[in-house]
Amino acid sequence: MTQEKLPAIFIPICLYSNTFYRKKENIKYLFSKYIQTSESALVVICDSLHAYNLIIRGSCSTIDEAFERAKRQGENLLSMIRNVQKKFTEVDNLWIAMWNEITTQNKYLEILQNLKSIVEQDKELEAVVNKFITLYVRKFRWNPSEATKWEERYLLEEVTMSIYVTEILGYSRELWEKAPEPDFPDPIGYLYQNRSELIQRLVGKKILNRRLEILEIPLK
């Protein structure tokens, strides 16, 4: 008897040095636990998003250098994922994309621009975003004058990606490597829990489908 598959899943993969996805055996786990058990899957390697982290943390002196380094790291991870994919021949509905492959799509850009406008006009949402950015800058002792603008870009692009992929592209289950930090604001969670009408306006539909899942780390 064939096991019924779960709804389509969106798996954003960040490039932090300690990410779970750095190891080949963990990518195999991702395939067996989540990808092959889903109707379809979209894996997005967040290389360009990671460039903001590199410049904020002072790992690169220019944004061009940061994007170049992040691109190389992303391509290395993509190569490893492709190699693992060859072993899972039964997986036939998988899309693996780099960040810019999604963010250059017209609808994504439209949602991003509209989200920026909403944040500027909605004082309550603006306060949530600013609090998140301020706490992160303080936590890592970044230079506020430099870090704030890049962290804001990071956050708004990340939120837009979540909304666009889950609500427009239809990969309704979103898998996060870690749960939101309890002592920090969660802008995307805030929107869905408290301001769903804003998301409805952004995507042009009343029924919202996004469901957040947290990665189950296998016991060693």
N, C-alpha and C. Protein backbone atom coordinates (compact mmCIF):
# COMPACT_ATOMS: atom_id res chain seq x y z
N MET A 1 0.84 -1.21 0.00
CA MET A 1 0.00 0.00 0.00
C MET A 1 0.87 1.25 0.00
N THR A 2 0.62 2.14 -0.96
CA THR A 2 1.40 3.36 -1.09
C THR A 2 1.00 4.36 -0.02
N GLN A 3 2.00 4.89 0.67
CA GLN A 3 1.73 5.87 1.71
C GLN A 3 1.37 7.22 1.09
N GLU A 4 0.31 7.82 1.61
CA GLU A 4 -0.12 9.11 1.10
C GLU A 4 0.92 10.17 1.45
N LYS A 5 1.25 10.99 0.44
CA LYS A 5 2.28 11.99 0.65
C LYS A 5 1.70 13.26 1.26
N LEU A 6 2.58 14.00 1.93
CA LEU A 6 2.20 15.25 2.58
C LEU A 6 2.19 16.39 1.55
N PRO A 7 1.51 17.50 1.87
CA PRO A 7 1.47 18.63 0.93
C PRO A 7 2.86 19.15 0.60
N ALA A 8 2.94 19.92 -0.47
CA ALA A 8 4.20 20.45 -0.96
C ALA A 8 4.95 21.24 0.12
N ILE A 9 6.27 21.10 0.12
CA ILE A 9 7.08 21.69 1.18
C ILE A 9 8.13 22.65 0.63
N PHE A 10 8.34 23.73 1.35
CA PHE A 10 9.35 24.74 1.03
C PHE A 10 10.46 24.65 2.07
N ILE A 11 11.70 24.48 1.59
CA ILE A 11 12.84 24.30 2.48
C ILE A 11 13.89 25.36 2.17
N PRO A 12 13.90 26.47 2.91
CA PRO A 12 14.96 27.46 2.74
C PRO A 12 16.22 26.99 3.48
N ILE A 13 17.36 27.04 2.80
CA ILE A 13 18.61 26.60 3.41
C ILE A 13 19.56 27.80 3.52
N CYS A 14 19.79 28.22 4.76
CA CYS A 14 20.72 29.32 5.01
C CYS A 14 22.16 28.78 5.03
N LEU A 15 23.11 29.69 4.94
CA LEU A 15 24.51 29.29 4.81
C LEU A 15 25.34 29.61 6.04
N TYR A 16 24.70 29.62 7.21
CA TYR A 16 25.45 29.83 8.44
C TYR A 16 26.51 28.74 8.59
N SER A 17 27.59 29.07 9.26
CA SER A 17 28.68 28.10 9.42
C SER A 17 28.25 26.87 10.19
N ASN A 18 27.28 27.02 11.09
CA ASN A 18 26.84 25.89 11.91
C ASN A 18 25.51 25.30 11.45
N THR A 19 25.11 25.57 10.22
CA THR A 19 23.84 25.05 9.75
C THR A 19 23.84 23.52 9.71
N PHE A 20 22.71 22.94 9.99
CA PHE A 20 22.53 21.49 9.96
C PHE A 20 22.86 20.92 8.58
N TYR A 21 22.65 21.71 7.56
CA TYR A 21 22.74 21.22 6.18
C TYR A 21 24.16 21.23 5.61
N ARG A 22 25.16 21.51 6.42
CA ARG A 22 26.54 21.50 5.94
C ARG A 22 27.06 20.09 5.66
N LYS A 23 26.46 19.08 6.30
CA LYS A 23 26.97 17.71 6.20
C LYS A 23 26.13 16.88 5.23
N LYS A 24 26.80 16.04 4.48
CA LYS A 24 26.14 15.23 3.46
C LYS A 24 25.11 14.29 4.07
N GLU A 25 25.44 13.69 5.22
CA GLU A 25 24.49 12.76 5.85
C GLU A 25 23.21 13.48 6.28
N ASN A 26 23.33 14.76 6.60
CA ASN A 26 22.15 15.52 6.99
C ASN A 26 21.27 15.87 5.79
N ILE A 27 21.89 16.08 4.65
CA ILE A 27 21.12 16.28 3.42
C ILE A 27 20.38 14.99 3.06
N LYS A 28 21.01 13.86 3.27
CA LYS A 28 20.34 12.57 3.03
C LYS A 28 19.13 12.44 3.94
N TYR A 29 19.29 12.84 5.19
CA TYR A 29 18.18 12.82 6.14
C TYR A 29 17.05 13.72 5.66
N LEU A 30 17.40 14.89 5.16
CA LEU A 30 16.39 15.83 4.65
C LEU A 30 15.59 15.19 3.53
N PHE A 31 16.27 14.49 2.63
CA PHE A 31 15.58 13.83 1.53
C PHE A 31 14.63 12.75 2.04
N SER A 32 15.12 11.90 2.92
CA SER A 32 14.30 10.76 3.36
C SER A 32 13.16 11.18 4.27
N LYS A 33 13.41 12.17 5.14
CA LYS A 33 12.41 12.58 6.12
C LYS A 33 11.37 13.53 5.55
N TYR A 34 11.79 14.44 4.66
CA TYR A 34 10.89 15.51 4.23
C TYR A 34 10.62 15.54 2.72
N ILE A 35 11.65 15.42 1.91
CA ILE A 35 11.46 15.63 0.48
C ILE A 35 10.71 14.47 -0.17
N GLN A 36 11.14 13.24 0.06
CA GLN A 36 10.49 12.12 -0.62
C GLN A 36 9.13 11.76 -0.01
N THR A 37 8.81 12.35 1.13
CA THR A 37 7.50 12.11 1.74
C THR A 37 6.48 13.19 1.38
N SER A 38 6.90 14.15 0.55
CA SER A 38 6.02 15.26 0.17
C SER A 38 5.61 15.15 -1.30
N GLU A 39 4.47 15.72 -1.62
CA GLU A 39 4.00 15.71 -3.00
C GLU A 39 4.99 16.39 -3.93
N SER A 40 5.57 17.46 -3.48
CA SER A 40 6.62 18.17 -4.21
C SER A 40 7.41 18.99 -3.21
N ALA A 41 8.58 19.45 -3.64
CA ALA A 41 9.44 20.21 -2.73
C ALA A 41 10.20 21.28 -3.49
N LEU A 42 10.38 22.40 -2.82
CA LEU A 42 11.22 23.48 -3.32
C LEU A 42 12.29 23.76 -2.28
N VAL A 43 13.54 23.54 -2.66
CA VAL A 43 14.68 23.87 -1.81
C VAL A 43 15.29 25.15 -2.34
N VAL A 44 15.35 26.17 -1.50
CA VAL A 44 15.95 27.44 -1.91
C VAL A 44 17.24 27.66 -1.11
N ILE A 45 18.36 27.74 -1.82
CA ILE A 45 19.64 28.02 -1.19
C ILE A 45 19.77 29.54 -1.05
N CYS A 46 19.86 30.01 0.18
CA CYS A 46 19.76 31.45 0.45
C CYS A 46 21.12 32.13 0.34
N ASP A 47 21.74 32.02 -0.82
CA ASP A 47 23.10 32.54 -0.99
C ASP A 47 23.14 34.07 -0.97
N SER A 48 22.30 34.71 -1.77
CA SER A 48 22.31 36.18 -1.80
C SER A 48 21.86 36.77 -0.47
N LEU A 49 20.95 36.10 0.20
CA LEU A 49 20.53 36.56 1.53
C LEU A 49 21.71 36.50 2.50
N HIS A 50 22.51 35.46 2.36
CA HIS A 50 23.67 35.28 3.24
C HIS A 50 24.69 36.40 3.06
N ALA A 51 24.71 37.00 1.87
CA ALA A 51 25.65 38.10 1.62
C ALA A 51 25.44 39.25 2.60
N TYR A 52 24.18 39.49 2.96
CA TYR A 52 23.90 40.54 3.94
C TYR A 52 24.54 40.21 5.28
N ASN A 53 24.50 38.93 5.67
CA ASN A 53 25.14 38.52 6.91
C ASN A 53 26.65 38.75 6.87
N LEU A 54 27.25 38.44 5.74
CA LEU A 54 28.69 38.58 5.61
C LEU A 54 29.13 40.03 5.74
N ILE A 55 28.37 40.93 5.15
CA ILE A 55 28.75 42.34 5.22
C ILE A 55 28.46 42.91 6.61
N ILE A 56 27.36 42.48 7.23
CA ILE A 56 27.01 42.94 8.57
C ILE A 56 28.07 42.52 9.58
N ARG A 57 28.53 41.27 9.47
CA ARG A 57 29.48 40.73 10.44
C ARG A 57 30.92 41.17 10.17
N GLY A 58 31.12 41.92 9.09
CA GLY A 58 32.46 42.38 8.78
C GLY A 58 33.34 41.34 8.13
N SER A 59 32.74 40.26 7.64
CA SER A 59 33.52 39.20 6.99
C SER A 59 33.99 39.62 5.60
N CYS A 60 33.32 40.63 5.03
CA CYS A 60 33.70 41.16 3.72
C CYS A 60 33.69 42.68 3.81
N SER A 61 34.57 43.29 3.05
CA SER A 61 34.69 44.75 3.12
C SER A 61 33.73 45.48 2.20
N THR A 62 33.24 44.80 1.16
CA THR A 62 32.29 45.42 0.24
C THR A 62 31.13 44.47 0.00
N ILE A 63 29.99 45.01 -0.41
CA ILE A 63 28.83 44.16 -0.67
C ILE A 63 29.07 43.27 -1.88
N ASP A 64 29.83 43.74 -2.87
CA ASP A 64 30.15 42.91 -4.04
C ASP A 64 30.97 41.69 -3.63
N GLU A 65 31.93 41.91 -2.75
CA GLU A 65 32.73 40.79 -2.25
C GLU A 65 31.85 39.81 -1.47
N ALA A 66 30.92 40.34 -0.70
CA ALA A 66 30.02 39.49 0.09
C ALA A 66 29.14 38.63 -0.82
N PHE A 67 28.60 39.22 -1.88
CA PHE A 67 27.76 38.45 -2.80
C PHE A 67 28.58 37.38 -3.51
N GLU A 68 29.81 37.70 -3.87
CA GLU A 68 30.66 36.74 -4.57
C GLU A 68 30.98 35.55 -3.66
N ARG A 69 31.33 35.84 -2.40
CA ARG A 69 31.64 34.75 -1.48
C ARG A 69 30.41 33.90 -1.19
N ALA A 70 29.27 34.55 -0.98
CA ALA A 70 28.03 33.83 -0.71
C ALA A 70 27.64 32.95 -1.90
N LYS A 71 27.87 33.46 -3.10
CA LYS A 71 27.56 32.68 -4.30
C LYS A 71 28.40 31.42 -4.36
N ARG A 72 29.69 31.52 -4.07
CA ARG A 72 30.56 30.35 -4.07
C ARG A 72 30.11 29.33 -3.04
N GLN A 73 29.78 29.80 -1.84
CA GLN A 73 29.31 28.89 -0.80
C GLN A 73 28.01 28.20 -1.22
N GLY A 74 27.13 28.97 -1.83
CA GLY A 74 25.87 28.41 -2.29
C GLY A 74 26.06 27.37 -3.38
N GLU A 75 26.97 27.61 -4.29
CA GLU A 75 27.23 26.66 -5.38
C GLU A 75 27.82 25.36 -4.83
N ASN A 76 28.67 25.48 -3.81
CA ASN A 76 29.23 24.27 -3.19
C ASN A 76 28.12 23.43 -2.54
N LEU A 77 27.21 24.10 -1.86
CA LEU A 77 26.10 23.38 -1.23
C LEU A 77 25.18 22.78 -2.29
N LEU A 78 24.93 23.51 -3.35
CA LEU A 78 24.10 23.00 -4.45
C LEU A 78 24.70 21.73 -5.03
N SER A 79 26.01 21.72 -5.22
CA SER A 79 26.67 20.55 -5.76
C SER A 79 26.49 19.33 -4.85
N MET A 80 26.59 19.54 -3.54
CA MET A 80 26.40 18.44 -2.60
C MET A 80 24.96 17.93 -2.65
N ILE A 81 24.00 18.84 -2.71
CA ILE A 81 22.59 18.43 -2.77
C ILE A 81 22.32 17.64 -4.04
N ARG A 82 22.88 18.08 -5.15
CA ARG A 82 22.69 17.37 -6.43
C ARG A 82 23.26 15.96 -6.36
N ASN A 83 24.41 15.81 -5.70
CA ASN A 83 25.01 14.49 -5.57
C ASN A 83 24.14 13.56 -4.73
N VAL A 84 23.57 14.09 -3.67
CA VAL A 84 22.67 13.29 -2.83
C VAL A 84 21.40 12.95 -3.61
N GLN A 85 20.91 13.89 -4.38
CA GLN A 85 19.68 13.69 -5.15
C GLN A 85 19.78 12.46 -6.06
N LYS A 86 20.97 12.19 -6.58
CA LYS A 86 21.15 11.05 -7.50
C LYS A 86 20.82 9.73 -6.82
N LYS A 87 20.95 9.68 -5.50
CA LYS A 87 20.69 8.43 -4.77
C LYS A 87 19.21 8.24 -4.47
N PHE A 88 18.43 9.30 -4.65
CA PHE A 88 16.99 9.23 -4.37
C PHE A 88 16.24 9.31 -5.70
N THR A 89 16.33 8.21 -6.45
CA THR A 89 15.78 8.19 -7.82
C THR A 89 14.26 8.30 -7.84
N GLU A 90 13.61 7.98 -6.70
CA GLU A 90 12.15 8.04 -6.66
C GLU A 90 11.63 9.46 -6.49
N VAL A 91 12.53 10.40 -6.17
CA VAL A 91 12.15 11.81 -6.01
C VAL A 91 12.14 12.47 -7.38
N ASP A 92 10.96 12.80 -7.87
CA ASP A 92 10.87 13.34 -9.23
C ASP A 92 10.17 14.70 -9.29
N ASN A 93 9.80 15.24 -8.14
CA ASN A 93 9.11 16.53 -8.15
C ASN A 93 9.80 17.50 -7.20
N LEU A 94 11.10 17.67 -7.48
CA LEU A 94 11.94 18.52 -6.63
C LEU A 94 12.50 19.66 -7.46
N TRP A 95 12.36 20.86 -6.94
CA TRP A 95 12.94 22.06 -7.55
C TRP A 95 13.97 22.62 -6.58
N ILE A 96 15.22 22.71 -7.04
CA ILE A 96 16.29 23.30 -6.24
C ILE A 96 16.66 24.62 -6.89
N ALA A 97 16.56 25.70 -6.13
CA ALA A 97 16.79 27.03 -6.70
C ALA A 97 17.75 27.83 -5.85
N MET A 98 18.50 28.69 -6.49
CA MET A 98 19.28 29.69 -5.78
C MET A 98 18.35 30.86 -5.47
N TRP A 99 18.74 31.69 -4.51
CA TRP A 99 17.88 32.78 -4.04
C TRP A 99 17.38 33.67 -5.17
N ASN A 100 18.28 34.10 -6.05
CA ASN A 100 17.91 35.04 -7.10
C ASN A 100 16.99 34.45 -8.16
N GLU A 101 16.96 33.14 -8.24
CA GLU A 101 16.04 32.50 -9.19
C GLU A 101 14.59 32.78 -8.80
N ILE A 102 14.36 32.97 -7.53
CA ILE A 102 13.01 33.28 -7.04
C ILE A 102 12.80 34.79 -6.96
N THR A 103 13.80 35.50 -6.46
CA THR A 103 13.61 36.92 -6.16
C THR A 103 13.57 37.82 -7.40
N THR A 104 13.91 37.27 -8.55
CA THR A 104 13.82 38.06 -9.79
C THR A 104 12.47 37.88 -10.48
N GLN A 105 11.61 37.04 -9.92
CA GLN A 105 10.28 36.84 -10.52
C GLN A 105 9.40 38.05 -10.22
N ASN A 106 8.60 38.43 -11.19
CA ASN A 106 7.83 39.68 -11.11
C ASN A 106 6.91 39.73 -9.89
N LYS A 107 6.24 38.63 -9.60
CA LYS A 107 5.30 38.62 -8.48
C LYS A 107 6.02 38.76 -7.15
N TYR A 108 7.18 38.14 -7.03
CA TYR A 108 7.97 38.31 -5.81
C TYR A 108 8.32 39.78 -5.63
N LEU A 109 8.81 40.41 -6.68
CA LEU A 109 9.21 41.81 -6.61
C LEU A 109 8.03 42.71 -6.28
N GLU A 110 6.87 42.37 -6.80
CA GLU A 110 5.66 43.14 -6.50
C GLU A 110 5.31 43.05 -5.02
N ILE A 111 5.36 41.83 -4.46
CA ILE A 111 5.03 41.63 -3.05
C ILE A 111 6.06 42.35 -2.17
N LEU A 112 7.33 42.26 -2.53
CA LEU A 112 8.38 42.92 -1.75
C LEU A 112 8.15 44.43 -1.70
N GLN A 113 7.87 45.03 -2.85
CA GLN A 113 7.65 46.47 -2.89
C GLN A 113 6.42 46.87 -2.09
N ASN A 114 5.36 46.09 -2.21
CA ASN A 114 4.14 46.39 -1.46
C ASN A 114 4.33 46.20 0.04
N LEU A 115 5.13 45.19 0.42
CA LEU A 115 5.42 44.98 1.84
C LEU A 115 6.20 46.16 2.41
N LYS A 116 7.18 46.65 1.66
CA LYS A 116 7.93 47.82 2.11
C LYS A 116 7.01 49.01 2.34
N SER A 117 6.06 49.20 1.43
CA SER A 117 5.12 50.32 1.56
C SER A 117 4.24 50.16 2.79
N ILE A 118 3.79 48.93 3.05
CA ILE A 118 2.95 48.67 4.21
C ILE A 118 3.71 48.95 5.50
N VAL A 119 4.97 48.50 5.56
CA VAL A 119 5.78 48.73 6.77
C VAL A 119 5.96 50.22 7.01
N GLU A 120 6.15 50.98 5.95
CA GLU A 120 6.31 52.43 6.10
C GLU A 120 5.04 53.12 6.59
N GLN A 121 3.89 52.56 6.22
CA GLN A 121 2.61 53.20 6.54
C GLN A 121 1.96 52.68 7.81
N ASP A 122 2.27 51.44 8.18
CA ASP A 122 1.62 50.80 9.32
C ASP A 122 2.55 50.88 10.54
N LYS A 123 2.23 51.76 11.47
CA LYS A 123 3.11 52.02 12.61
C LYS A 123 3.29 50.79 13.50
N GLU A 124 2.24 50.01 13.64
CA GLU A 124 2.33 48.82 14.49
C GLU A 124 3.30 47.80 13.90
N LEU A 125 3.18 47.54 12.61
CA LEU A 125 4.09 46.61 11.95
C LEU A 125 5.50 47.17 11.90
N GLU A 126 5.62 48.44 11.65
CA GLU A 126 6.93 49.08 11.62
C GLU A 126 7.64 48.92 12.96
N ALA A 127 6.89 49.02 14.05
CA ALA A 127 7.47 48.87 15.39
C ALA A 127 7.99 47.45 15.61
N VAL A 128 7.25 46.45 15.13
CA VAL A 128 7.69 45.05 15.25
C VAL A 128 8.98 44.83 14.47
N VAL A 129 9.02 45.34 13.24
CA VAL A 129 10.22 45.20 12.41
C VAL A 129 11.41 45.90 13.04
N ASN A 130 11.21 47.12 13.50
CA ASN A 130 12.31 47.88 14.09
C ASN A 130 12.82 47.24 15.38
N LYS A 131 11.92 46.69 16.17
CA LYS A 131 12.34 46.02 17.41
C LYS A 131 13.18 44.79 17.10
N PHE A 132 12.75 44.02 16.11
CA PHE A 132 13.51 42.83 15.70
C PHE A 132 14.92 43.23 15.27
N ILE A 133 15.01 44.23 14.42
CA ILE A 133 16.31 44.67 13.91
C ILE A 133 17.19 45.20 15.03
N THR A 134 16.62 46.02 15.90
CA THR A 134 17.39 46.60 17.00
C THR A 134 17.94 45.53 17.93
N LEU A 135 17.11 44.54 18.27
CA LEU A 135 17.55 43.48 19.17
C LEU A 135 18.65 42.64 18.54
N TYR A 136 18.54 42.36 17.26
CA TYR A 136 19.58 41.58 16.60
C TYR A 136 20.89 42.34 16.53
N VAL A 137 20.82 43.60 16.21
CA VAL A 137 22.03 44.42 16.14
C VAL A 137 22.72 44.46 17.51
N ARG A 138 21.92 44.61 18.57
CA ARG A 138 22.49 44.64 19.93
C ARG A 138 23.04 43.28 20.34
N LYS A 139 22.33 42.23 20.00
CA LYS A 139 22.74 40.88 20.40
C LYS A 139 24.14 40.55 19.89
N PHE A 140 24.40 40.89 18.64
CA PHE A 140 25.69 40.55 18.05
C PHE A 140 26.69 41.71 18.07
N ARG A 141 26.27 42.82 18.73
CA ARG A 141 27.15 43.97 18.90
C ARG A 141 27.66 44.50 17.56
N TRP A 142 26.73 44.56 16.62
CA TRP A 142 27.08 45.12 15.31
C TRP A 142 27.07 46.63 15.37
N ASN A 143 27.71 47.25 14.40
CA ASN A 143 27.69 48.71 14.26
C ASN A 143 26.32 49.14 13.75
N PRO A 144 25.51 49.81 14.56
CA PRO A 144 24.13 50.14 14.16
C PRO A 144 24.04 50.94 12.86
N SER A 145 24.98 51.86 12.64
CA SER A 145 24.89 52.71 11.45
C SER A 145 25.04 51.90 10.16
N GLU A 146 25.78 50.79 10.22
CA GLU A 146 25.98 49.97 9.04
C GLU A 146 25.03 48.78 9.00
N ALA A 147 24.83 48.15 10.15
CA ALA A 147 24.09 46.88 10.18
C ALA A 147 22.59 47.05 9.97
N THR A 148 22.03 48.16 10.42
CA THR A 148 20.58 48.32 10.41
C THR A 148 19.99 48.20 9.01
N LYS A 149 20.58 48.87 8.04
CA LYS A 149 20.00 48.87 6.69
C LYS A 149 20.09 47.48 6.06
N TRP A 150 21.21 46.78 6.30
CA TRP A 150 21.35 45.44 5.73
C TRP A 150 20.43 44.44 6.42
N GLU A 151 20.28 44.56 7.72
CA GLU A 151 19.38 43.66 8.45
C GLU A 151 17.93 43.87 8.03
N GLU A 152 17.57 45.12 7.76
CA GLU A 152 16.21 45.40 7.28
C GLU A 152 15.98 44.76 5.92
N ARG A 153 16.94 44.87 5.03
CA ARG A 153 16.81 44.22 3.72
C ARG A 153 16.68 42.72 3.88
N TYR A 154 17.55 42.16 4.72
CA TYR A 154 17.51 40.71 4.99
C TYR A 154 16.11 40.30 5.44
N LEU A 155 15.60 40.99 6.43
CA LEU A 155 14.31 40.63 7.01
C LEU A 155 13.17 40.74 6.00
N LEU A 156 13.09 41.84 5.30
CA LEU A 156 11.98 42.04 4.36
C LEU A 156 12.04 41.06 3.19
N GLU A 157 13.24 40.75 2.72
CA GLU A 157 13.37 39.77 1.64
C GLU A 157 13.00 38.38 2.13
N GLU A 158 13.39 38.06 3.35
CA GLU A 158 13.08 36.75 3.93
C GLU A 158 11.58 36.58 4.13
N VAL A 159 10.92 37.60 4.65
CA VAL A 159 9.48 37.55 4.85
C VAL A 159 8.75 37.44 3.51
N THR A 160 9.20 38.21 2.53
CA THR A 160 8.59 38.15 1.21
C THR A 160 8.74 36.76 0.59
N MET A 161 9.92 36.17 0.72
CA MET A 161 10.14 34.83 0.19
C MET A 161 9.17 33.83 0.81
N SER A 162 9.00 33.92 2.11
CA SER A 162 8.09 33.02 2.81
C SER A 162 6.66 33.15 2.28
N ILE A 163 6.19 34.37 2.18
CA ILE A 163 4.82 34.62 1.71
C ILE A 163 4.66 34.18 0.26
N TYR A 164 5.61 34.54 -0.57
CA TYR A 164 5.51 34.25 -2.00
C TYR A 164 5.52 32.75 -2.29
N VAL A 165 6.45 32.04 -1.67
CA VAL A 165 6.58 30.61 -1.96
C VAL A 165 5.40 29.82 -1.41
N THR A 166 4.97 30.15 -0.19
CA THR A 166 3.89 29.36 0.43
C THR A 166 2.51 29.72 -0.11
N GLU A 167 2.29 30.99 -0.37
CA GLU A 167 0.94 31.43 -0.76
C GLU A 167 0.73 31.54 -2.28
N ILE A 168 1.77 31.87 -3.01
CA ILE A 168 1.65 32.05 -4.46
C ILE A 168 2.12 30.80 -5.21
N LEU A 169 3.32 30.31 -4.88
CA LEU A 169 3.83 29.13 -5.58
C LEU A 169 3.21 27.84 -5.09
N GLY A 170 2.63 27.86 -3.88
CA GLY A 170 1.88 26.71 -3.42
C GLY A 170 2.63 25.68 -2.60
N TYR A 171 3.86 25.98 -2.19
CA TYR A 171 4.60 25.07 -1.29
C TYR A 171 4.23 25.48 0.13
N SER A 172 3.09 24.98 0.58
CA SER A 172 2.44 25.56 1.77
C SER A 172 3.13 25.23 3.09
N ARG A 173 3.84 24.13 3.16
CA ARG A 173 4.58 23.78 4.38
C ARG A 173 5.98 24.39 4.30
N GLU A 174 6.32 25.19 5.30
CA GLU A 174 7.64 25.81 5.32
C GLU A 174 8.46 25.22 6.45
N LEU A 175 9.62 24.68 6.12
CA LEU A 175 10.45 23.99 7.10
C LEU A 175 11.59 24.90 7.54
N TRP A 176 11.59 25.24 8.83
CA TRP A 176 12.67 26.05 9.40
C TRP A 176 13.63 25.14 10.15
N GLU A 177 14.91 25.48 10.06
CA GLU A 177 15.92 24.70 10.76
C GLU A 177 15.78 24.85 12.27
N LYS A 178 15.38 26.04 12.72
CA LYS A 178 15.20 26.30 14.15
C LYS A 178 13.92 27.09 14.37
N ALA A 179 13.34 26.93 15.55
CA ALA A 179 12.15 27.70 15.90
C ALA A 179 12.53 29.16 16.14
N PRO A 180 11.57 30.07 15.97
CA PRO A 180 11.85 31.48 16.28
C PRO A 180 12.30 31.63 17.73
N GLU A 181 13.24 32.54 17.96
CA GLU A 181 13.74 32.74 19.31
C GLU A 181 12.64 33.34 20.19
N PRO A 182 12.41 32.78 21.38
CA PRO A 182 11.28 33.22 22.22
C PRO A 182 11.40 34.67 22.71
N ASP A 183 12.62 35.18 22.81
CA ASP A 183 12.81 36.54 23.34
C ASP A 183 12.89 37.60 22.25
N PHE A 184 12.67 37.17 20.99
CA PHE A 184 12.75 38.10 19.88
C PHE A 184 11.40 38.19 19.17
N PRO A 185 11.09 39.36 18.61
CA PRO A 185 9.88 39.46 17.79
C PRO A 185 10.00 38.53 16.58
N ASP A 186 8.90 38.03 16.11
CA ASP A 186 8.86 37.16 14.95
C ASP A 186 7.96 37.83 13.91
N PRO A 187 8.52 38.65 13.02
CA PRO A 187 7.69 39.43 12.10
C PRO A 187 6.75 38.60 11.23
N ILE A 188 7.22 37.49 10.68
CA ILE A 188 6.33 36.68 9.83
C ILE A 188 5.25 36.01 10.67
N GLY A 189 5.60 35.56 11.87
CA GLY A 189 4.61 34.99 12.77
C GLY A 189 3.60 36.03 13.22
N TYR A 190 4.10 37.23 13.49
CA TYR A 190 3.21 38.33 13.88
C TYR A 190 2.20 38.62 12.78
N LEU A 191 2.65 38.66 11.54
CA LEU A 191 1.75 38.95 10.42
C LEU A 191 0.64 37.90 10.33
N TYR A 192 1.01 36.63 10.40
CA TYR A 192 0.02 35.57 10.25
C TYR A 192 -0.92 35.49 11.45
N GLN A 193 -0.40 35.73 12.63
CA GLN A 193 -1.21 35.58 13.83
C GLN A 193 -2.06 36.82 14.14
N ASN A 194 -1.56 37.99 13.79
CA ASN A 194 -2.23 39.22 14.21
C ASN A 194 -2.69 40.13 13.07
N ARG A 195 -2.05 40.02 11.92
CA ARG A 195 -2.36 40.94 10.83
C ARG A 195 -2.54 40.18 9.52
N SER A 196 -3.29 39.11 9.56
CA SER A 196 -3.46 38.28 8.36
C SER A 196 -4.08 39.05 7.20
N GLU A 197 -4.84 40.12 7.53
CA GLU A 197 -5.46 40.90 6.47
C GLU A 197 -4.41 41.57 5.58
N LEU A 198 -3.24 41.86 6.15
CA LEU A 198 -2.17 42.45 5.36
C LEU A 198 -1.62 41.45 4.35
N ILE A 199 -1.48 40.20 4.78
CA ILE A 199 -1.00 39.16 3.86
C ILE A 199 -2.05 38.89 2.80
N GLN A 200 -3.31 38.86 3.20
CA GLN A 200 -4.38 38.67 2.22
C GLN A 200 -4.33 39.75 1.14
N ARG A 201 -4.04 40.96 1.56
CA ARG A 201 -3.94 42.05 0.60
C ARG A 201 -2.73 41.86 -0.32
N LEU A 202 -1.61 41.40 0.25
CA LEU A 202 -0.40 41.21 -0.53
C LEU A 202 -0.55 40.13 -1.60
N VAL A 203 -1.24 39.05 -1.24
CA VAL A 203 -1.32 37.91 -2.17
C VAL A 203 -2.63 37.85 -2.94
N GLY A 204 -3.59 38.68 -2.57
CA GLY A 204 -4.84 38.75 -3.30
C GLY A 204 -5.76 37.56 -3.12
N LYS A 205 -5.77 36.98 -1.91
CA LYS A 205 -6.69 35.87 -1.63
C LYS A 205 -7.03 35.86 -0.15
N LYS A 206 -8.18 35.28 0.19
CA LYS A 206 -8.65 35.30 1.57
C LYS A 206 -8.12 34.12 2.38
N ILE A 207 -7.99 32.96 1.74
CA ILE A 207 -7.56 31.76 2.46
C ILE A 207 -6.04 31.66 2.38
N LEU A 208 -5.38 31.67 3.55
CA LEU A 208 -3.93 31.57 3.63
C LEU A 208 -3.53 30.14 3.99
N ASN A 209 -2.48 29.64 3.35
CA ASN A 209 -2.16 28.22 3.46
C ASN A 209 -0.86 27.89 4.18
N ARG A 210 -0.04 28.89 4.47
CA ARG A 210 1.27 28.62 5.05
C ARG A 210 1.16 27.91 6.40
N ARG A 211 2.00 26.87 6.55
CA ARG A 211 2.10 26.15 7.80
C ARG A 211 3.58 25.96 8.13
N LEU A 212 3.98 26.47 9.28
CA LEU A 212 5.38 26.39 9.68
C LEU A 212 5.67 25.06 10.36
N GLU A 213 6.77 24.43 9.95
CA GLU A 213 7.27 23.23 10.60
C GLU A 213 8.72 23.46 11.01
N ILE A 214 9.11 22.85 12.11
CA ILE A 214 10.49 22.97 12.60
C ILE A 214 11.20 21.64 12.36
N LEU A 215 12.39 21.73 11.83
CA LEU A 215 13.17 20.54 11.51
C LEU A 215 13.35 19.65 12.73
N GLU A 216 13.04 18.38 12.56
CA GLU A 216 13.27 17.40 13.63
C GLU A 216 14.70 16.86 13.48
N ILE A 217 15.57 17.26 14.38
CA ILE A 217 16.96 16.83 14.32
C ILE A 217 17.05 15.38 14.79
N PRO A 218 17.64 14.49 13.99
CA PRO A 218 17.74 13.09 14.42
C PRO A 218 18.65 12.92 15.62
N LEU A 219 18.28 12.00 16.50
CA LEU A 219 19.11 11.72 17.67
C LEU A 219 20.37 10.97 17.24
N LYS A 220 21.50 11.35 17.83
CA LYS A 220 22.76 10.70 17.48
C LYS A 220 22.98 9.46 18.32
